């Protein structure tokens, strides 16, 4: 929205009024946040461990029932309207923002949820193409809204799995469960340690004295692109080869550093490096959780730095702009650690920093990055936020 100073409740009121003007009905308002991943990158689809947090950027959806079987969706962000019929849902994606909505609706319909026609007005401030889960945000907001409107009890784990399936099967991005899960289960002022195999999780309190600073390189990426899916395929190739020698291995989650030391020579060099990142990253996530629980932010920051180097060198999903942003961040006073976050190939870094050093950090990073690249970065100072829910705006 144009006025970035509006509260979430104010934004909901504005969206409600726009909905009334467009559709002539009184809607319910739902919202789902974005997310940042503190550590644990490209481990989720390998049945590993991740530590994301929901953040206070939101997709808001105003929704009301219709008397026909149409789903009519207008996006404030794109100034576009899309219509489709529940009895004749599109069979394939169109490479359009509406794919994320249609994919979720198709899965809800296939699961036996009694859906009726719906009008939707959607608006969001989750930065797009920045690796902060703008796509999962709209999926979860729409899924939650449709379930509520159909008077269905919302099982948040099932909702996360359904939205992941929609992105995998309809949109064509082979993402893991992390994004959708934290957007349904996130809690204010907490990170979430998630076991992506069992879906067991625990909340970890984040210290007020160390805000989360997200730096956007302004380099756009698309996780539905070939590079992301290629990395997943390389991980799966490593599992197939290692399972010949280690029958218990079903995913890289089951592989240890010692296993790679013994059997790594059986793998092509590129596949070995992909596997080495995932195996070492899983260990880093668990070490980082222990450090956070003990208030040891210095160790946590060191693990963040190690994570970035592994993503850069072994998994090769960084880019010059991300590396520069991390380097600038590490040089600033009060920084515990900095790393790329998200799928890679652009997007954002996440930095853990002492609260009284944030202002100087912003100036240093902004000036250094613009001087080197000619791009003005967006910098967001965040705290962890709650997950999906309904907004009261009467």
Protein backbone atom coordinates (compact mmCIF):
# COMPACT_ATOMS: atom_id res chain seq x y z
CA UNK A 1 0.00 0.00 0.00
CA UNK A 2 1.12 3.56 -0.54
CA UNK A 3 0.97 4.58 3.10
CA UNK A 4 3.56 2.40 4.82
CA UNK A 5 2.73 3.96 8.19
CA UNK A 6 -0.68 2.31 8.39
CA UNK A 7 -1.16 -0.33 11.09
CA UNK A 8 -2.38 -3.77 10.09
CA UNK A 9 -5.82 -2.90 11.40
CA UNK A 10 -5.83 0.33 9.37
CA UNK A 11 -4.78 -1.56 6.26
CA UNK A 12 -7.61 -4.02 6.86
CA UNK A 13 -10.11 -1.15 7.14
CA UNK A 14 -8.88 0.33 3.85
CA UNK A 15 -9.06 -3.06 2.14
CA UNK A 16 -12.56 -3.59 3.51
CA UNK A 17 -13.76 -0.27 2.05
CA UNK A 18 -12.18 -1.05 -1.32
CA UNK A 19 -13.90 -4.43 -1.30
CA UNK A 20 -17.29 -2.85 -0.59
CA UNK A 21 -16.75 -0.40 -3.46
CA UNK A 22 -15.72 -3.14 -5.89
CA UNK A 23 -18.03 -6.00 -4.93
CA UNK A 24 -20.82 -4.32 -2.97
CA UNK A 25 -20.60 -6.74 -0.08
CA UNK A 26 -19.08 -6.80 3.43
CA UNK A 27 -16.04 -9.11 3.63
CA UNK A 28 -14.07 -10.93 6.26
CA UNK A 29 -10.36 -10.06 6.34
CA UNK A 30 -7.56 -12.62 6.67
CA UNK A 31 -3.80 -12.18 6.64
CA UNK A 32 -0.65 -14.28 6.37
CA UNK A 33 2.87 -12.99 6.99
CA UNK A 34 6.12 -13.27 5.10
CA UNK A 35 9.05 -15.13 6.55
CA UNK A 36 12.79 -14.94 6.93
CA UNK A 37 14.99 -17.97 7.53
CA UNK A 38 17.64 -17.44 10.19
CA UNK A 39 19.57 -20.58 9.30
CA UNK A 40 18.93 -23.87 7.51
CA UNK A 41 18.81 -23.24 3.77
CA UNK A 42 17.93 -25.90 1.17
CA UNK A 43 17.56 -28.44 3.97
CA UNK A 44 13.76 -28.53 4.10
CA UNK A 45 13.23 -30.58 0.95
CA UNK A 46 15.99 -32.91 2.17
CA UNK A 47 13.97 -33.83 5.30
CA UNK A 48 16.31 -31.68 7.39
CA UNK A 49 16.14 -28.90 9.97
CA UNK A 50 15.33 -25.22 9.50
CA UNK A 51 14.92 -22.17 11.73
CA UNK A 52 12.60 -19.58 10.15
CA UNK A 53 10.56 -16.79 11.71
CA UNK A 54 7.37 -15.18 10.44
CA UNK A 55 7.90 -11.44 9.91
CA UNK A 56 5.56 -8.47 9.96
CA UNK A 57 4.95 -8.12 6.24
CA UNK A 58 1.52 -9.43 5.30
CA UNK A 59 -0.73 -10.50 2.47
CA UNK A 60 -4.26 -9.47 3.38
CA UNK A 61 -7.30 -11.00 1.69
CA UNK A 62 -10.83 -9.58 1.90
CA UNK A 63 -13.26 -12.39 1.14
CA UNK A 64 -17.04 -12.80 0.82
CA UNK A 65 -19.31 -15.54 -0.52
CA UNK A 66 -21.03 -15.28 -3.91
CA UNK A 67 -24.30 -16.76 -5.13
CA UNK A 68 -22.73 -18.31 -8.24
CA UNK A 69 -19.84 -20.77 -8.66
CA UNK A 70 -17.26 -18.19 -9.67
CA UNK A 71 -14.09 -17.23 -7.86
CA UNK A 72 -13.34 -13.59 -8.69
CA UNK A 73 -10.00 -12.24 -7.44
CA UNK A 74 -8.71 -8.71 -7.78
CA UNK A 75 -5.08 -7.97 -6.86
CA UNK A 76 -4.30 -4.47 -5.65
CA UNK A 77 -0.59 -5.16 -6.19
CA UNK A 78 -1.02 -6.04 -9.87
CA UNK A 79 -4.20 -4.04 -10.59
CA UNK A 80 -5.61 -7.15 -12.26
CA UNK A 81 -8.74 -9.25 -11.92
CA UNK A 82 -8.94 -12.98 -12.56
CA UNK A 83 -12.10 -15.11 -12.71
CA UNK A 84 -12.53 -18.87 -12.84
CA UNK A 85 -15.35 -21.33 -12.33
CA UNK A 86 -15.19 -23.88 -9.51
CA UNK A 87 -16.73 -26.49 -11.81
CA UNK A 88 -14.14 -25.89 -14.54
CA UNK A 89 -10.88 -25.11 -12.77
CA UNK A 90 -7.81 -24.50 -14.95
CA UNK A 91 -5.87 -27.70 -15.58
CA UNK A 92 -2.42 -26.13 -15.81
CA UNK A 93 -0.54 -23.07 -14.65
CA UNK A 94 -0.40 -19.88 -16.66
CA UNK A 95 2.83 -18.42 -15.27
CA UNK A 96 0.75 -15.74 -13.57
CA UNK A 97 0.31 -14.58 -9.96
CA UNK A 98 -3.11 -16.23 -9.95
CA UNK A 99 -1.46 -19.68 -10.20
CA UNK A 100 -0.79 -19.59 -6.45
CA UNK A 101 -4.48 -18.99 -5.76
CA UNK A 102 -5.81 -21.47 -8.29
CA UNK A 103 -3.43 -24.18 -7.09
CA UNK A 104 -4.69 -23.88 -3.52
CA UNK A 105 -8.35 -23.82 -4.58
CA UNK A 106 -7.86 -26.92 -6.75
CA UNK A 107 -6.30 -28.84 -3.85
CA UNK A 108 -9.07 -27.75 -1.47
CA UNK A 109 -11.70 -28.90 -3.97
CA UNK A 110 -9.94 -32.23 -4.51
CA UNK A 111 -9.76 -32.79 -0.75
CA UNK A 112 -13.56 -32.69 -0.54
CA UNK A 113 -14.01 -29.24 1.00
CA UNK A 114 -17.47 -27.92 -0.03
CA UNK A 115 -16.46 -24.71 -1.79
CA UNK A 116 -18.82 -22.05 -3.03
CA UNK A 117 -18.30 -18.99 -5.18
CA UNK A 118 -16.13 -16.31 -3.58
CA UNK A 119 -15.09 -12.71 -4.25
CA UNK A 120 -11.58 -11.85 -3.14
CA UNK A 121 -9.65 -8.58 -2.91
CA UNK A 122 -5.99 -9.16 -2.07
CA UNK A 123 -3.22 -6.74 -1.17
CA UNK A 124 0.19 -7.31 0.36
CA UNK A 125 3.44 -5.68 1.34
CA UNK A 126 5.65 -8.79 1.40
CA UNK A 127 8.51 -7.80 -0.95
CA UNK A 128 8.19 -9.86 -4.12
CA UNK A 129 11.10 -11.77 -5.61
CA UNK A 130 13.14 -11.12 -2.46
CA UNK A 131 13.10 -14.59 -0.92
CA UNK A 132 10.68 -13.58 1.86
CA UNK A 133 7.90 -15.96 0.80
CA UNK A 134 5.45 -13.65 -0.90
CA UNK A 135 4.10 -16.66 -2.82
CA UNK A 136 3.56 -18.80 0.28
CA UNK A 137 1.97 -15.80 1.99
CA UNK A 138 -0.81 -15.52 -0.60
CA UNK A 139 -1.26 -19.32 -0.65
CA UNK A 140 -1.70 -19.55 3.11
CA UNK A 141 -3.93 -16.46 3.33
CA UNK A 142 -6.22 -17.79 0.59
CA UNK A 143 -6.28 -21.33 1.96
CA UNK A 144 -7.12 -20.15 5.47
CA UNK A 145 -9.79 -17.77 4.15
CA UNK A 146 -11.50 -20.41 2.01
CA UNK A 147 -11.56 -22.90 4.90
CA UNK A 148 -13.04 -20.31 7.25
CA UNK A 149 -15.64 -19.24 4.72
CA UNK A 150 -16.64 -22.89 4.25
CA UNK A 151 -17.01 -23.24 8.06
CA UNK A 152 -14.21 -25.81 8.17
CA UNK A 153 -11.96 -26.33 11.18
CA UNK A 154 -8.47 -25.19 10.24
CA UNK A 155 -5.78 -27.77 10.89
CA UNK A 156 -2.72 -25.59 10.47
CA UNK A 157 -0.35 -28.44 9.66
CA UNK A 158 -2.71 -29.79 6.99
CA UNK A 159 -3.11 -26.28 5.59
CA UNK A 160 0.66 -25.89 5.31
CA UNK A 161 0.99 -29.26 3.57
CA UNK A 162 -1.84 -28.44 1.16
CA UNK A 163 -0.29 -25.10 0.20
CA UNK A 164 3.11 -26.75 -0.31
CA UNK A 165 1.49 -29.39 -2.52
CA UNK A 166 -0.21 -26.68 -4.57
CA UNK A 167 3.11 -24.93 -5.17
CA UNK A 168 4.85 -28.21 -6.00
CA UNK A 169 2.22 -29.69 -8.30
CA UNK A 170 0.42 -26.73 -9.84
CA UNK A 171 2.89 -23.83 -9.76
CA UNK A 172 5.85 -26.10 -10.48
CA UNK A 173 8.24 -24.94 -7.73
CA UNK A 174 9.58 -27.93 -5.82
CA UNK A 175 9.74 -26.10 -2.50
CA UNK A 176 9.92 -27.82 0.86
CA UNK A 177 7.52 -27.34 3.75
CA UNK A 178 9.37 -24.59 5.63
CA UNK A 179 7.66 -21.49 4.23
CA UNK A 180 4.08 -22.65 4.51
CA UNK A 181 4.69 -24.21 7.92
CA UNK A 182 6.08 -21.12 9.63
CA UNK A 183 3.39 -18.95 8.06
CA UNK A 184 0.77 -21.11 9.77
CA UNK A 185 2.62 -21.73 13.06
CA UNK A 186 4.69 -18.56 13.55
CA UNK A 187 4.60 -16.75 16.89
CA UNK A 188 5.48 -13.20 17.78
CA UNK A 189 9.05 -12.74 19.11
CA UNK A 190 9.95 -16.36 18.39
CA UNK A 191 11.87 -18.32 15.79
CA UNK A 192 10.70 -21.84 14.95
CA UNK A 193 12.98 -24.87 14.91
CA UNK A 194 11.33 -27.34 12.52
CA UNK A 195 12.11 -30.97 11.76
CA UNK A 196 10.95 -31.13 8.15
CA UNK A 197 10.58 -34.91 8.25
CA UNK A 198 8.45 -35.38 11.35
CA UNK A 199 7.03 -31.81 11.36
CA UNK A 200 7.85 -31.63 15.05
CA UNK A 201 8.81 -28.12 16.06
CA UNK A 202 9.58 -25.94 19.00
CA UNK A 203 9.50 -22.19 19.44
CA UNK A 204 12.68 -20.37 20.41
CA UNK A 205 12.43 -16.89 21.97
CA UNK A 206 14.35 -14.18 20.13
CA UNK A 207 16.05 -11.53 22.28
CA UNK A 208 14.68 -7.99 22.07
CA UNK A 209 18.24 -6.69 22.14
CA UNK A 210 19.02 -8.28 18.75
CA UNK A 211 16.55 -7.29 16.02
CA UNK A 212 16.43 -9.00 12.65
CA UNK A 213 17.70 -6.77 9.84
CA UNK A 214 16.85 -7.82 6.30
CA UNK A 215 18.77 -6.25 3.41
CA UNK A 216 17.23 -6.57 -0.04
CA UNK A 217 19.80 -6.69 -2.85
CA UNK A 218 17.04 -5.64 -5.29
CA UNK A 219 18.08 -8.55 -7.50
CA UNK A 220 14.89 -10.45 -8.32
CA UNK A 221 14.66 -14.20 -8.53
CA UNK A 222 12.02 -16.85 -9.10
CA UNK A 223 12.15 -20.06 -7.09
CA UNK A 224 10.13 -21.74 -9.84
CA UNK A 225 13.20 -21.28 -12.08
CA UNK A 226 15.41 -24.10 -13.25
CA UNK A 227 18.31 -23.51 -10.86
CA UNK A 228 16.26 -24.24 -7.74
CA UNK A 229 14.81 -27.43 -9.18
CA UNK A 230 18.25 -28.45 -10.43
CA UNK A 231 19.71 -28.23 -6.92
CA UNK A 232 16.94 -30.46 -5.64
CA UNK A 233 17.60 -32.97 -8.40
CA UNK A 234 21.32 -32.99 -7.53
CA UNK A 235 20.49 -33.72 -3.89
CA UNK A 236 18.24 -36.58 -4.97
CA UNK A 237 21.02 -37.95 -7.19
CA UNK A 238 23.32 -37.96 -4.18
CA UNK A 239 20.74 -39.86 -2.11
CA UNK A 240 20.32 -42.51 -4.80
CA UNK A 241 24.07 -43.14 -4.98
CA UNK A 242 24.67 -43.09 -1.23
CA UNK A 243 21.74 -45.44 -0.62
CA UNK A 244 23.57 -48.11 -2.61
CA UNK A 245 26.13 -48.21 0.21
CA UNK A 246 23.93 -47.02 3.09
CA UNK A 247 20.52 -48.73 2.78
CA UNK A 248 18.99 -46.67 5.61
CA UNK A 249 19.45 -43.43 3.66
CA UNK A 250 16.12 -42.03 2.39
CA UNK A 251 17.14 -38.38 2.26
CA UNK A 252 20.24 -36.32 2.96
CA UNK A 253 18.85 -35.93 6.48
CA UNK A 254 20.10 -39.51 7.06
CA UNK A 255 23.67 -38.80 5.93
CA UNK A 256 26.48 -37.79 8.29
CA UNK A 257 29.75 -36.02 7.62
CA UNK A 258 31.49 -39.32 8.33
CA UNK A 259 29.36 -41.02 5.66
CA UNK A 260 30.48 -38.45 3.10
CA UNK A 261 34.08 -38.97 4.17
CA UNK A 262 33.81 -42.68 3.43
CA UNK A 263 31.53 -42.69 0.37
CA UNK A 264 31.89 -39.21 -1.07
CA UNK A 265 34.33 -40.38 -3.72
CA UNK A 266 31.46 -42.33 -5.30
CA UNK A 267 29.68 -39.06 -6.13
CA UNK A 268 30.32 -36.63 -8.97
CA UNK A 269 32.17 -33.59 -7.59
CA UNK A 270 29.22 -31.23 -8.01
CA UNK A 271 26.80 -33.63 -6.33
CA UNK A 272 29.27 -34.18 -3.48
CA UNK A 273 29.41 -30.44 -2.81
CA UNK A 274 25.62 -30.17 -2.81
CA UNK A 275 25.41 -33.02 -0.31
CA UNK A 276 28.18 -31.56 1.84
CA UNK A 277 26.27 -28.32 2.19
CA UNK A 278 23.03 -29.98 3.27
CA UNK A 279 24.71 -32.36 5.73
CA UNK A 280 26.76 -29.59 7.35
CA UNK A 281 23.83 -27.16 7.34
CA UNK A 282 21.65 -29.59 9.30
CA UNK A 283 24.34 -29.72 11.98
CA UNK A 284 24.58 -25.93 12.02
CA UNK A 285 20.84 -25.53 12.59
CA UNK A 286 20.88 -27.76 15.66
CA UNK A 287 23.96 -26.00 17.01
CA UNK A 288 22.32 -22.64 16.38
CA UNK A 289 19.20 -23.70 18.28
CA UNK A 290 21.31 -24.68 21.27
CA UNK A 291 23.19 -21.37 21.08
CA UNK A 292 19.94 -19.39 20.97
CA UNK A 293 18.52 -21.26 23.93
CA UNK A 294 21.65 -20.38 25.91
CA UNK A 295 21.64 -16.75 24.78
CA UNK A 296 24.95 -17.24 22.96
CA UNK A 297 24.49 -14.86 20.03
CA UNK A 298 28.18 -14.85 19.16
CA UNK A 299 28.11 -18.57 18.39
CA UNK A 300 24.80 -18.15 16.57
CA UNK A 301 26.37 -15.43 14.40
CA UNK A 302 29.41 -17.56 13.61
CA UNK A 303 27.12 -20.34 12.42
CA UNK A 304 25.28 -17.86 10.20
CA UNK A 305 28.58 -16.88 8.58
CA UNK A 306 29.53 -20.53 8.04
CA UNK A 307 26.12 -21.14 6.48
CA UNK A 308 26.61 -18.37 3.92
CA UNK A 309 30.02 -19.64 2.89
CA UNK A 310 28.62 -23.13 2.41
CA UNK A 311 25.73 -21.79 0.31
CA UNK A 312 28.17 -19.75 -1.74
CA UNK A 313 30.89 -22.34 -2.29
CA UNK A 314 29.25 -25.79 -2.05
CA UNK A 315 25.62 -25.19 -3.00
CA UNK A 316 26.39 -22.29 -5.36
CA UNK A 317 23.13 -20.40 -4.89
CA UNK A 318 24.58 -17.05 -3.90
CA UNK A 319 25.45 -14.22 -6.29
CA UNK A 320 27.90 -11.29 -6.24
CA UNK A 321 25.30 -8.91 -4.82
CA UNK A 322 24.46 -11.24 -1.92
CA UNK A 323 28.14 -11.84 -1.19
CA UNK A 324 28.78 -8.10 -1.17
CA UNK A 325 25.84 -7.47 1.16
CA UNK A 326 27.09 -10.11 3.58
CA UNK A 327 30.63 -8.72 3.46
CA UNK A 328 29.40 -5.20 4.16
CA UNK A 329 27.28 -6.48 7.02
CA UNK A 330 30.11 -8.39 8.63
CA UNK A 331 32.29 -5.28 8.63
CA UNK A 332 29.77 -3.21 10.60
CA UNK A 333 29.91 -2.76 14.37
CA UNK A 334 27.63 -4.84 16.57
CA UNK A 335 26.94 -7.56 13.99
CA UNK A 336 26.76 -11.11 15.30
CA UNK A 337 26.34 -12.72 11.90
CA UNK A 338 24.98 -12.25 8.38
CA UNK A 339 23.97 -14.61 5.58
CA UNK A 340 21.85 -14.91 2.49
CA UNK A 341 18.31 -16.10 3.16
CA UNK A 342 15.84 -17.79 0.85
CA UNK A 343 16.32 -19.83 -2.29
CA UNK A 344 19.22 -17.73 -3.52
CA UNK A 345 20.28 -16.19 -6.84
CA UNK A 346 19.31 -12.79 -5.45
CA UNK A 347 16.92 -11.65 -2.79
CA UNK A 348 17.91 -10.78 0.75
CA UNK A 349 20.39 -11.22 3.53
CA UNK A 350 19.48 -11.63 7.19
CA UNK A 351 21.65 -10.04 9.86
CA UNK A 352 21.55 -10.46 13.63
CA UNK A 353 22.82 -7.28 15.24
CA UNK A 354 22.91 -5.37 18.53
CA UNK A 355 19.93 -3.03 18.69
CA UNK A 356 21.95 0.13 19.36
CA UNK A 357 24.05 -0.45 16.23
CA UNK A 358 21.20 -0.73 13.72
CA UNK A 359 21.25 2.90 12.56
CA UNK A 360 24.97 2.91 11.78
CA UNK A 361 24.64 -0.51 10.13
CA UNK A 362 21.91 0.73 7.80
CA UNK A 363 24.00 3.73 6.70
CA UNK A 364 27.15 1.66 6.16
CA UNK A 365 25.45 -1.08 4.17
CA UNK A 366 23.26 1.25 2.11
CA UNK A 367 26.12 3.55 1.12
CA UNK A 368 28.58 0.74 0.44
CA UNK A 369 26.13 -1.32 -1.60
CA UNK A 370 24.92 1.61 -3.69
CA UNK A 371 28.48 2.74 -4.34
CA UNK A 372 29.50 -0.72 -5.56
CA UNK A 373 26.40 -1.68 -7.54
CA UNK A 374 24.48 1.48 -8.34
CA UNK A 375 21.39 -0.06 -6.70
CA UNK A 376 19.67 1.39 -3.65
CA UNK A 377 18.92 -1.50 -1.28
CA UNK A 378 15.78 -1.74 0.81
CA UNK A 379 16.56 -2.43 4.46
CA UNK A 380 13.90 -3.71 6.85
CA UNK A 381 14.29 -3.83 10.63
CA UNK A 382 11.97 -6.62 11.76
CA UNK A 383 10.83 -8.69 14.68
CA UNK A 384 9.19 -12.10 14.57
CA UNK A 385 5.41 -12.02 14.01
CA UNK A 386 2.34 -14.22 14.38
CA UNK A 387 1.20 -16.56 11.64
CA UNK A 388 -1.99 -16.61 9.58
CA UNK A 389 -5.26 -15.45 11.10
CA UNK A 390 -8.38 -13.36 10.78
CA UNK A 391 -8.24 -9.58 11.27
CA UNK A 392 -10.95 -7.88 13.28
CA UNK A 393 -11.77 -4.60 11.50
CA UNK A 394 -15.41 -3.92 12.29
